[in-house]
Amino acid sequence: MEINKTLDCIGLFCPMPVIKTKMELENMKSGEVLEILADDPGFIKDLPAWCIMSGENFLEIKNENGVVKGYVMKK
């Protein structure tokens, strides 16, 4: 997977990682991939749920030693 941009949301808690993700995707082109870094454990459920609601393409989410990495492709 080619990552076009990384968004650092470390230290932010719900709903800020999702809000910042939405704002960042607004500035990206269709088909580009955004990687989001967060340490809010709730982001693991929030990101896929938000993608369903917004219509963005959820790709993957993983937790690596307390850092959640989420991947979304701009619709």
Protein backbone atom coordinates (compact mmCIF):
# COMPACT_ATOMS: atom_id res chain seq x y z
CA MET A 1 0.00 0.00 0.00
CA GLU A 2 1.37 3.41 -0.95
CA ILE A 3 0.83 6.02 1.77
CA ASN A 4 0.40 9.55 0.43
CA LYS A 5 0.19 11.39 3.74
CA THR A 6 0.56 10.69 7.46
CA LEU A 7 -1.56 12.46 10.08
CA ASP A 8 -0.24 12.52 13.64
CA CYS A 9 -3.06 12.46 16.20
CA ILE A 10 -0.96 11.21 19.12
CA GLY A 11 -2.22 12.79 22.35
CA LEU A 12 -5.68 13.59 20.94
CA PHE A 13 -8.83 11.90 22.15
CA CYS A 14 -12.33 11.35 20.77
CA PRO A 15 -13.59 12.98 18.67
CA MET A 16 -10.46 14.87 17.54
CA PRO A 17 -8.67 12.08 15.61
CA VAL A 18 -11.78 11.54 13.47
CA ILE A 19 -12.33 15.28 12.99
CA LYS A 20 -8.71 15.79 11.94
CA THR A 21 -8.96 12.77 9.61
CA LYS A 22 -12.01 14.29 7.93
CA MET A 23 -10.28 17.65 7.53
CA GLU A 24 -7.13 16.06 6.09
CA LEU A 25 -9.06 13.93 3.60
CA GLU A 26 -10.82 17.05 2.31
CA ASN A 27 -7.42 18.24 1.02
CA MET A 28 -6.50 14.94 -0.65
CA LYS A 29 -7.26 13.55 -4.12
CA SER A 30 -9.48 10.57 -4.79
CA GLY A 31 -7.53 7.33 -4.47
CA GLU A 32 -4.87 8.75 -2.15
CA VAL A 33 -4.16 6.91 1.12
CA LEU A 34 -4.00 8.62 4.50
CA GLU A 35 -2.20 6.98 7.42
CA ILE A 36 -3.46 8.16 10.82
CA LEU A 37 -1.42 7.68 13.99
CA ALA A 38 -3.29 7.82 17.30
CA ASP A 39 -2.95 6.61 20.87
CA ASP A 40 -6.63 6.79 21.79
CA PRO A 41 -7.77 3.14 22.07
CA GLY A 42 -11.29 4.18 21.04
CA PHE A 43 -9.95 5.12 17.61
CA ILE A 44 -9.82 1.40 16.76
CA LYS A 45 -13.62 1.36 16.62
CA ASP A 46 -14.19 5.02 15.73
CA LEU A 47 -12.31 5.04 12.41
CA PRO A 48 -14.12 2.12 10.71
CA ALA A 49 -17.48 3.41 11.98
CA TRP A 50 -16.77 6.90 10.66
CA CYS A 51 -15.71 5.51 7.27
CA ILE A 52 -19.02 3.67 6.97
CA MET A 53 -20.94 6.85 7.82
CA SER A 54 -18.88 9.13 5.57
CA GLY A 55 -18.43 6.79 2.62
CA GLU A 56 -14.63 6.93 2.77
CA ASN A 57 -12.75 3.70 2.03
CA PHE A 58 -11.52 2.07 5.24
CA LEU A 59 -8.46 -0.06 4.49
CA GLU A 60 -6.93 -1.28 7.73
CA ILE A 61 -6.28 -0.55 11.37
CA LYS A 62 -3.64 -2.05 13.64
CA ASN A 63 -2.31 -1.48 17.14
CA GLU A 64 1.47 -1.49 17.39
CA ASN A 65 2.69 -1.13 20.98
CA GLY A 66 -0.02 1.37 21.93
CA VAL A 67 0.11 3.34 18.68
CA VAL A 68 -2.96 2.81 16.52
CA LYS A 69 -2.28 3.06 12.80
CA GLY A 70 -5.33 3.54 10.60
CA TYR A 71 -5.46 3.66 6.81
CA VAL A 72 -8.15 5.32 4.74
CA MET A 73 -8.36 5.80 0.97
CA LYS A 74 -10.04 9.01 -0.18
CA LYS A 75 -13.21 8.18 -2.11
